[in-house]
Amino acid sequence: MKKGIHPENYRLVAFKDMSNEDVFITKSTVETKETIEVDGVEYPVFKMEISRTSHPFYTGKSKLIDTAGRIDKFKNKYAKFKK
């Protein structure tokens, strides 16, 4: 393994799934300015839109999330090509 190419600033970080409010803690080098308290300990927090606790592949549940009307925007954009 090459020396000096891996980051050395690993620390415990809370990752928060914003779709279901699930929080899990793991080591990471991600930069963040916000913090969250979990079990009486304060951690830097990184907010995510989707994680293993909300992704349909892992949960087995199909869920349609249309952020900012993306589906409608796509349909309108390509409606002119429809035969």
PDB file of N, CA and C in Angstrom:
ATOM      1  N   MET A   1       0.835  -1.170   0.000  1.00  0.00           N
ATOM      2  CA  MET A   1       0.000   0.000   0.000  1.00  0.00           C
ATOM      3  C   MET A   1       0.887   1.243   0.000  1.00  0.00           C
ATOM      4  N   LYS A   2       0.537   2.234  -0.827  1.00  0.00           N
ATOM      5  CA  LYS A   2       1.329   3.456  -0.895  1.00  0.00           C
ATOM      6  C   LYS A   2       1.167   4.286   0.367  1.00  0.00           C
ATOM      7  N   LYS A   3       2.243   4.906   0.784  1.00  0.00           N
ATOM      8  CA  LYS A   3       2.204   5.749   1.983  1.00  0.00           C
ATOM      9  C   LYS A   3       1.902   7.187   1.585  1.00  0.00           C
ATOM     10  N   GLY A   4       1.182   7.880   2.469  1.00  0.00           N
ATOM     11  CA  GLY A   4       0.927   9.295   2.272  1.00  0.00           C
ATOM     12  C   GLY A   4      -0.226   9.648   1.353  1.00  0.00           C
ATOM     13  N   ILE A   5      -0.977   8.660   0.859  1.00  0.00           N
ATOM     14  CA  ILE A   5      -2.081   8.977  -0.052  1.00  0.00           C
ATOM     15  C   ILE A   5      -3.447   8.861   0.633  1.00  0.00           C
ATOM     16  N   HIS A   6      -3.486   8.323   1.822  1.00  0.00           N
ATOM     17  CA  HIS A   6      -4.747   8.150   2.534  1.00  0.00           C
ATOM     18  C   HIS A   6      -4.932   9.260   3.563  1.00  0.00           C
ATOM     19  N   PRO A   7      -6.168   9.756   3.725  1.00  0.00           N
ATOM     20  CA  PRO A   7      -6.395  10.824   4.705  1.00  0.00           C
ATOM     21  C   PRO A   7      -6.152  10.335   6.124  1.00  0.00           C
ATOM     22  N   GLU A   8      -5.736  11.251   6.975  1.00  0.00           N
ATOM     23  CA  GLU A   8      -5.456  10.891   8.355  1.00  0.00           C
ATOM     24  C   GLU A   8      -6.409  11.552   9.339  1.00  0.00           C
ATOM     25  N   ASN A   9      -7.353  12.335   8.833  1.00  0.00           N
ATOM     26  CA  ASN A   9      -8.244  13.079   9.716  1.00  0.00           C
ATOM     27  C   ASN A   9      -9.603  12.394   9.895  1.00  0.00           C
ATOM     28  N   TYR A  10      -9.617  11.087  10.061  1.00  0.00           N
ATOM     29  CA  TYR A  10     -10.855  10.356  10.316  1.00  0.00           C
ATOM     30  C   TYR A  10     -11.373  10.709  11.704  1.00  0.00           C
ATOM     31  N   ARG A  11     -12.696  10.895  11.800  1.00  0.00           N
ATOM     32  CA  ARG A  11     -13.325  11.149  13.097  1.00  0.00           C
ATOM     33  C   ARG A  11     -14.736  10.593  13.041  1.00  0.00           C
ATOM     34  N   LEU A  12     -15.371  10.452  14.193  1.00  0.00           N
ATOM     35  CA  LEU A  12     -16.745   9.970  14.223  1.00  0.00           C
ATOM     36  C   LEU A  12     -17.676  11.067  13.730  1.00  0.00           C
ATOM     37  N   VAL A  13     -18.550  10.707  12.779  1.00  0.00           N
ATOM     38  CA  VAL A  13     -19.492  11.641  12.179  1.00  0.00           C
ATOM     39  C   VAL A  13     -20.874  10.995  12.179  1.00  0.00           C
ATOM     40  N   ALA A  14     -21.908  11.781  12.500  1.00  0.00           N
ATOM     41  CA  ALA A  14     -23.288  11.306  12.438  1.00  0.00           C
ATOM     42  C   ALA A  14     -23.828  11.598  11.046  1.00  0.00           C
ATOM     43  N   PHE A  15     -24.365  10.587  10.382  1.00  0.00           N
ATOM     44  CA  PHE A  15     -25.011  10.743   9.088  1.00  0.00           C
ATOM     45  C   PHE A  15     -26.515  10.676   9.317  1.00  0.00           C
ATOM     46  N   LYS A  16     -27.240  11.702   8.859  1.00  0.00           N
ATOM     47  CA  LYS A  16     -28.679  11.791   9.104  1.00  0.00           C
ATOM     48  C   LYS A  16     -29.438  11.697   7.790  1.00  0.00           C
ATOM     49  N   ASP A  17     -30.327  10.708   7.700  1.00  0.00           N
ATOM     50  CA  ASP A  17     -31.198  10.536   6.547  1.00  0.00           C
ATOM     51  C   ASP A  17     -32.379  11.483   6.716  1.00  0.00           C
ATOM     52  N   MET A  18     -32.503  12.471   5.851  1.00  0.00           N
ATOM     53  CA  MET A  18     -33.535  13.489   5.994  1.00  0.00           C
ATOM     54  C   MET A  18     -34.929  12.988   5.603  1.00  0.00           C
ATOM     55  N   SER A  19     -35.017  11.863   4.893  1.00  0.00           N
ATOM     56  CA  SER A  19     -36.333  11.359   4.498  1.00  0.00           C
ATOM     57  C   SER A  19     -37.030  10.604   5.625  1.00  0.00           C
ATOM     58  N   ASN A  20     -36.263  10.023   6.557  1.00  0.00           N
ATOM     59  CA  ASN A  20     -36.904   9.293   7.661  1.00  0.00           C
ATOM     60  C   ASN A  20     -36.277   9.602   9.029  1.00  0.00           C
ATOM     61  N   GLU A  21     -35.390  10.602   9.074  1.00  0.00           N
ATOM     62  CA  GLU A  21     -34.779  11.069  10.324  1.00  0.00           C
ATOM     63  C   GLU A  21     -33.877  10.033  11.011  1.00  0.00           C
ATOM     64  N   ASP A  22     -33.473   8.981  10.308  1.00  0.00           N
ATOM     65  CA  ASP A  22     -32.580   7.978  10.886  1.00  0.00           C
ATOM     66  C   ASP A  22     -31.168   8.559  10.985  1.00  0.00           C
ATOM     67  N   VAL A  23     -30.467   8.255  12.081  1.00  0.00           N
ATOM     68  CA  VAL A  23     -29.102   8.740  12.292  1.00  0.00           C
ATOM     69  C   VAL A  23     -28.203   7.550  12.587  1.00  0.00           C
ATOM     70  N   PHE A  24     -27.057   7.479  11.901  1.00  0.00           N
ATOM     71  CA  PHE A  24     -26.072   6.464  12.240  1.00  0.00           C
ATOM     72  C   PHE A  24     -24.694   7.113  12.296  1.00  0.00           C
ATOM     73  N   ILE A  25     -23.820   6.551  13.096  1.00  0.00           N
ATOM     74  CA  ILE A  25     -22.511   7.136  13.349  1.00  0.00           C
ATOM     75  C   ILE A  25     -21.432   6.204  12.809  1.00  0.00           C
ATOM     76  N   THR A  26     -20.491   6.791  12.097  1.00  0.00           N
ATOM     77  CA  THR A  26     -19.370   6.034  11.555  1.00  0.00           C
ATOM     78  C   THR A  26     -18.177   6.968  11.400  1.00  0.00           C
ATOM     79  N   LYS A  27     -17.012   6.419  11.138  1.00  0.00           N
ATOM     80  CA  LYS A  27     -15.824   7.242  10.924  1.00  0.00           C
ATOM     81  C   LYS A  27     -15.844   7.793   9.505  1.00  0.00           C
ATOM     82  N   SER A  28     -15.442   9.061   9.373  1.00  0.00           N
ATOM     83  CA  SER A  28     -15.440   9.699   8.069  1.00  0.00           C
ATOM     84  C   SER A  28     -14.502  10.895   8.066  1.00  0.00           C
ATOM     85  N   THR A  29     -14.166  11.369   6.862  1.00  0.00           N
ATOM     86  CA  THR A  29     -13.374  12.586   6.705  1.00  0.00           C
ATOM     87  C   THR A  29     -14.225  13.710   6.132  1.00  0.00           C
ATOM     88  N   VAL A  30     -15.516  13.508   6.019  1.00  0.00           N
ATOM     89  CA  VAL A  30     -16.409  14.507   5.427  1.00  0.00           C
ATOM     90  C   VAL A  30     -16.373  15.809   6.230  1.00  0.00           C
ATOM     91  N   GLU A  31     -16.361  16.941   5.506  1.00  0.00           N
ATOM     92  CA  GLU A  31     -16.334  18.254   6.146  1.00  0.00           C
ATOM     93  C   GLU A  31     -17.763  18.715   6.408  1.00  0.00           C
ATOM     94  N   THR A  32     -18.046  19.192   7.602  1.00  0.00           N
ATOM     95  CA  THR A  32     -19.367  19.676   7.961  1.00  0.00           C
ATOM     96  C   THR A  32     -19.260  20.729   9.053  1.00  0.00           C
ATOM     97  N   LYS A  33     -20.208  21.648   9.064  1.00  0.00           N
ATOM     98  CA  LYS A  33     -20.195  22.712  10.064  1.00  0.00           C
ATOM     99  C   LYS A  33     -21.260  22.509  11.135  1.00  0.00           C
ATOM    100  N   GLU A  34     -22.272  21.700  10.836  1.00  0.00           N
ATOM    101  CA  GLU A  34     -23.362  21.464  11.784  1.00  0.00           C
ATOM    102  C   GLU A  34     -23.014  20.322  12.731  1.00  0.00           C
ATOM    103  N   THR A  35     -23.651  20.325  13.908  1.00  0.00           N
ATOM    104  CA  THR A  35     -23.461  19.241  14.868  1.00  0.00           C
ATOM    105  C   THR A  35     -24.818  18.745  15.340  1.00  0.00           C
ATOM    106  N   ILE A  36     -24.813  17.545  15.905  1.00  0.00           N
ATOM    107  CA  ILE A  36     -26.023  16.933  16.446  1.00  0.00           C
ATOM    108  C   ILE A  36     -25.631  16.169  17.705  1.00  0.00           C
ATOM    109  N   GLU A  37     -26.539  16.102  18.656  1.00  0.00           N
ATOM    110  CA  GLU A  37     -26.274  15.352  19.879  1.00  0.00           C
ATOM    111  C   GLU A  37     -26.961  13.992  19.791  1.00  0.00           C
ATOM    112  N   VAL A  38     -26.182  12.939  19.962  1.00  0.00           N
ATOM    113  CA  VAL A  38     -26.693  11.570  19.933  1.00  0.00           C
ATOM    114  C   VAL A  38     -26.223  10.878  21.206  1.00  0.00           C
ATOM    115  N   ASP A  39     -27.160  10.394  22.005  1.00  0.00           N
ATOM    116  CA  ASP A  39     -26.861   9.707  23.266  1.00  0.00           C
ATOM    117  C   ASP A  39     -25.958  10.546  24.180  1.00  0.00           C
ATOM    118  N   GLY A  40     -26.200  11.849  24.212  1.00  0.00           N
ATOM    119  CA  GLY A  40     -25.447  12.734  25.088  1.00  0.00           C
ATOM    120  C   GLY A  40     -24.083  13.149  24.583  1.00  0.00           C
ATOM    121  N   VAL A  41     -23.716  12.737  23.370  1.00  0.00           N
ATOM    122  CA  VAL A  41     -22.423  13.086  22.785  1.00  0.00           C
ATOM    123  C   VAL A  41     -22.677  13.918  21.526  1.00  0.00           C
ATOM    124  N   GLU A  42     -21.919  14.989  21.344  1.00  0.00           N
ATOM    125  CA  GLU A  42     -22.090  15.847  20.179  1.00  0.00           C
ATOM    126  C   GLU A  42     -21.167  15.404  19.048  1.00  0.00           C
ATOM    127  N   TYR A  43     -21.751  15.233  17.847  1.00  0.00           N
ATOM    128  CA  TYR A  43     -21.009  14.800  16.667  1.00  0.00           C
ATOM    129  C   TYR A  43     -21.240  15.789  15.533  1.00  0.00           C
ATOM    130  N   PRO A  44     -20.270  15.913  14.608  1.00  0.00           N
ATOM    131  CA  PRO A  44     -20.547  16.640  13.372  1.00  0.00           C
ATOM    132  C   PRO A  44     -21.597  15.840  12.607  1.00  0.00           C
ATOM    133  N   VAL A  45     -22.523  16.515  11.919  1.00  0.00           N
ATOM    134  CA  VAL A  45     -23.596  15.805  11.211  1.00  0.00           C
ATOM    135  C   VAL A  45     -23.531  16.104   9.725  1.00  0.00           C
ATOM    136  N   PHE A  46     -23.730  15.051   8.920  1.00  0.00           N
ATOM    137  CA  PHE A  46     -23.814  15.155   7.470  1.00  0.00           C
ATOM    138  C   PHE A  46     -25.209  14.710   7.080  1.00  0.00           C
ATOM    139  N   LYS A  47     -25.964  15.588   6.402  1.00  0.00           N
ATOM    140  CA  LYS A  47     -27.352  15.285   6.042  1.00  0.00           C
ATOM    141  C   LYS A  47     -27.415  14.693   4.643  1.00  0.00           C
ATOM    142  N   MET A  48     -28.187  13.584   4.526  1.00  0.00           N
ATOM    143  CA  MET A  48     -28.334  12.885   3.255  1.00  0.00           C
ATOM    144  C   MET A  48     -29.809  12.827   2.871  1.00  0.00           C
ATOM    145  N   GLU A  49     -30.092  12.757   1.576  1.00  0.00           N
ATOM    146  CA  GLU A  49     -31.472  12.615   1.118  1.00  0.00           C
ATOM    147  C   GLU A  49     -31.943  11.176   1.218  1.00  0.00           C
ATOM    148  N   ILE A  50     -31.028  10.235   1.062  1.00  0.00           N
ATOM    149  CA  ILE A  50     -31.411   8.819   1.055  1.00  0.00           C
ATOM    150  C   ILE A  50     -30.255   7.996   1.619  1.00  0.00           C
ATOM    151  N   SER A  51     -30.578   6.929   2.340  1.00  0.00           N
ATOM    152  CA  SER A  51     -29.554   6.054   2.912  1.00  0.00           C
ATOM    153  C   SER A  51     -30.055   4.613   2.862  1.00  0.00           C
ATOM    154  N   ARG A  52     -29.332   3.743   3.507  1.00  0.00           N
ATOM    155  CA  ARG A  52     -29.717   2.322   3.501  1.00  0.00           C
ATOM    156  C   ARG A  52     -31.055   2.086   4.193  1.00  0.00           C
ATOM    157  N   THR A  53     -31.476   2.986   5.073  1.00  0.00           N
ATOM    158  CA  THR A  53     -32.735   2.795   5.791  1.00  0.00           C
ATOM    159  C   THR A  53     -33.941   3.324   5.018  1.00  0.00           C
ATOM    160  N   SER A  54     -33.704   4.048   3.910  1.00  0.00           N
ATOM    161  CA  SER A  54     -34.830   4.566   3.137  1.00  0.00           C
ATOM    162  C   SER A  54     -34.779   4.192   1.659  1.00  0.00           C
ATOM    163  N   HIS A  55     -33.672   3.643   1.193  1.00  0.00           N
ATOM    164  CA  HIS A  55     -33.552   3.278  -0.230  1.00  0.00           C
ATOM    165  C   HIS A  55     -34.401   2.042  -0.529  1.00  0.00           C
ATOM    166  N   PRO A  56     -35.215   2.085  -1.591  1.00  0.00           N
ATOM    167  CA  PRO A  56     -36.099   0.959  -1.915  1.00  0.00           C
ATOM    168  C   PRO A  56     -35.366  -0.372  -2.104  1.00  0.00           C
ATOM    169  N   PHE A  57     -34.140  -0.354  -2.582  1.00  0.00           N
ATOM    170  CA  PHE A  57     -33.403  -1.606  -2.770  1.00  0.00           C
ATOM    171  C   PHE A  57     -33.194  -2.324  -1.448  1.00  0.00           C
ATOM    172  N   TYR A  58     -32.880  -1.584  -0.400  1.00  0.00           N
ATOM    173  CA  TYR A  58     -32.596  -2.179   0.906  1.00  0.00           C
ATOM    174  C   TYR A  58     -33.857  -2.408   1.740  1.00  0.00           C
ATOM    175  N   THR A  59     -34.871  -1.571   1.557  1.00  0.00           N
ATOM    176  CA  THR A  59     -36.088  -1.694   2.357  1.00  0.00           C
ATOM    177  C   THR A  59     -37.097  -2.643   1.733  1.00  0.00           C
ATOM    178  N   GLY A  60     -37.004  -2.844   0.415  1.00  0.00           N
ATOM    179  CA  GLY A  60     -37.967  -3.699  -0.265  1.00  0.00           C
ATOM    180  C   GLY A  60     -39.279  -2.989  -0.550  1.00  0.00           C
ATOM    181  N   LYS A  61     -39.343  -1.709  -0.243  1.00  0.00           N
ATOM    182  CA  LYS A  61     -40.556  -0.930  -0.474  1.00  0.00           C
ATOM    183  C   LYS A  61     -40.315   0.028  -1.630  1.00  0.00           C
ATOM    184  N   SER A  62     -41.269   0.084  -2.535  1.00  0.00           N
ATOM    185  CA  SER A  62     -41.173   1.012  -3.649  1.00  0.00           C
ATOM    186  C   SER A  62     -41.779   2.339  -3.233  1.00  0.00           C
ATOM    187  N   LYS A  63     -41.019   3.409  -3.422  1.00  0.00           N
ATOM    188  CA  LYS A  63     -41.484   4.725  -3.010  1.00  0.00           C
ATOM    189  C   LYS A  63     -41.049   5.731  -4.064  1.00  0.00           C
ATOM    190  N   LEU A  64     -41.994   6.493  -4.584  1.00  0.00           N
ATOM    191  CA  LEU A  64     -41.686   7.491  -5.591  1.00  0.00           C
ATOM    192  C   LEU A  64     -41.457   8.832  -4.912  1.00  0.00           C
ATOM    193  N   ILE A  65     -40.274   9.384  -5.107  1.00  0.00           N
ATOM    194  CA  ILE A  65     -39.948  10.690  -4.555  1.00  0.00           C
ATOM    195  C   ILE A  65     -39.741  11.632  -5.728  1.00  0.00           C
ATOM    196  N   ASP A  66     -40.640  12.587  -5.879  1.00  0.00           N
ATOM    197  CA  ASP A  66     -40.551  13.545  -6.973  1.00  0.00           C
ATOM    198  C   ASP A  66     -40.137  14.889  -6.400  1.00  0.00           C
ATOM    199  N   THR A  67     -38.850  15.166  -6.435  1.00  0.00           N
ATOM    200  CA  THR A  67     -38.372  16.441  -5.905  1.00  0.00           C
ATOM    201  C   THR A  67     -38.385  17.476  -7.008  1.00  0.00           C
ATOM    202  N   ALA A  68     -39.029  18.575  -6.716  1.00  0.00           N
ATOM    203  CA  ALA A  68     -39.088  19.734  -7.615  1.00  0.00           C
ATOM    204  C   ALA A  68     -39.739  19.411  -8.958  1.00  0.00           C
ATOM    205  N   GLY A  69     -40.682  18.463  -8.989  1.00  0.00           N
ATOM    206  CA  GLY A  69     -41.431  18.177 -10.212  1.00  0.00           C
ATOM    207  C   GLY A  69     -40.584  17.625 -11.335  1.00  0.00           C
ATOM    208  N   ARG A  70     -39.579  16.837 -11.034  1.00  0.00           N
ATOM    209  CA  ARG A  70     -38.663  16.332 -12.062  1.00  0.00           C
ATOM    210  C   ARG A  70     -39.370  15.467 -13.094  1.00  0.00           C
ATOM    211  N   ILE A  71     -40.321  14.670 -12.647  1.00  0.00           N
ATOM    212  CA  ILE A  71     -41.014  13.789 -13.574  1.00  0.00           C
ATOM    213  C   ILE A  71     -41.854  14.612 -14.543  1.00  0.00           C
ATOM    214  N   ASP A  72     -42.601  15.587 -14.030  1.00  0.00           N
ATOM    215  CA  ASP A  72     -43.413  16.447 -14.890  1.00  0.00           C
ATOM    216  C   ASP A  72     -42.542  17.252 -15.848  1.00  0.00           C
ATOM    217  N   LYS A  73     -41.420  17.729 -15.345  1.00  0.00           N
ATOM    218  CA  LYS A  73     -40.494  18.494 -16.173  1.00  0.00           C
ATOM    219  C   LYS A  73     -39.978  17.634 -17.326  1.00  0.00           C
ATOM    220  N   PHE A  74     -39.636  16.377 -17.027  1.00  0.00           N
ATOM    221  CA  PHE A  74     -39.152  15.452 -18.049  1.00  0.00           C
ATOM    222  C   PHE A  74     -40.234  15.175 -19.087  1.00  0.00           C
ATOM    223  N   LYS A  75     -41.457  14.897 -18.615  1.00  0.00           N
ATOM    224  CA  LYS A  75     -42.559  14.602 -19.541  1.00  0.00           C
ATOM    225  C   LYS A  75     -42.849  15.788 -20.455  1.00  0.00           C
ATOM    226  N   ASN A  76     -42.853  16.992 -19.902  1.00  0.00           N
ATOM    227  CA  ASN A  76     -43.108  18.183 -20.715  1.00  0.00           C
ATOM    228  C   ASN A  76     -42.009  18.410 -21.741  1.00  0.00           C
ATOM    229  N   LYS A  77     -40.775  18.185 -21.350  1.00  0.00           N
ATOM    230  CA  LYS A  77     -39.634  18.414 -22.220  1.00  0.00           C
ATOM    231  C   LYS A  77     -39.665  17.472 -23.422  1.00  0.00           C
ATOM    232  N   TYR A  78     -40.020  16.213 -23.193  1.00  0.00           N
ATOM    233  CA  TYR A  78     -39.973  15.214 -24.251  1.00  0.00           C
ATOM    234  C   TYR A  78     -41.327  14.859 -24.847  1.00  0.00           C
ATOM    235  N   ALA A  79     -42.358  15.612 -24.495  1.00  0.00           N
ATOM    236  CA  ALA A  79     -43.703  15.375 -25.041  1.00  0.00           C
ATOM    237  C   ALA A  79     -43.737  15.615 -26.549  1.00  0.00           C
ATOM    238  N   LYS A  80     -42.926  16.536 -27.035  1.00  0.00           N
ATOM    239  CA  LYS A  80     -42.924  16.862 -28.471  1.00  0.00           C
ATOM    240  C   LYS A  80     -42.395  15.709 -29.326  1.00  0.00           C
ATOM    241  N   PHE A  81     -41.639  14.804 -28.738  1.00  0.00           N
ATOM    242  CA  PHE A  81     -41.095  13.663 -29.478  1.00  0.00           C
ATOM    243  C   PHE A  81     -42.032  12.464 -29.482  1.00  0.00           C
ATOM    244  N   LYS A  82     -43.092  12.540 -28.669  1.00  0.00           N
ATOM    245  CA  LYS A  82     -44.032  11.436 -28.554  1.00  0.00           C
ATOM    246  C   LYS A  82     -44.846  11.325 -29.839  1.00  0.00           C
ATOM    247  N   LYS A  83     -45.032  10.105 -30.326  1.00  0.00           N
ATOM    248  CA  LYS A  83     -45.777   9.888 -31.570  1.00  0.00           C
ATOM    249  C   LYS A  83     -47.229   9.616 -31.300  1.00  0.00           C
TER     250      LYS A  83
END
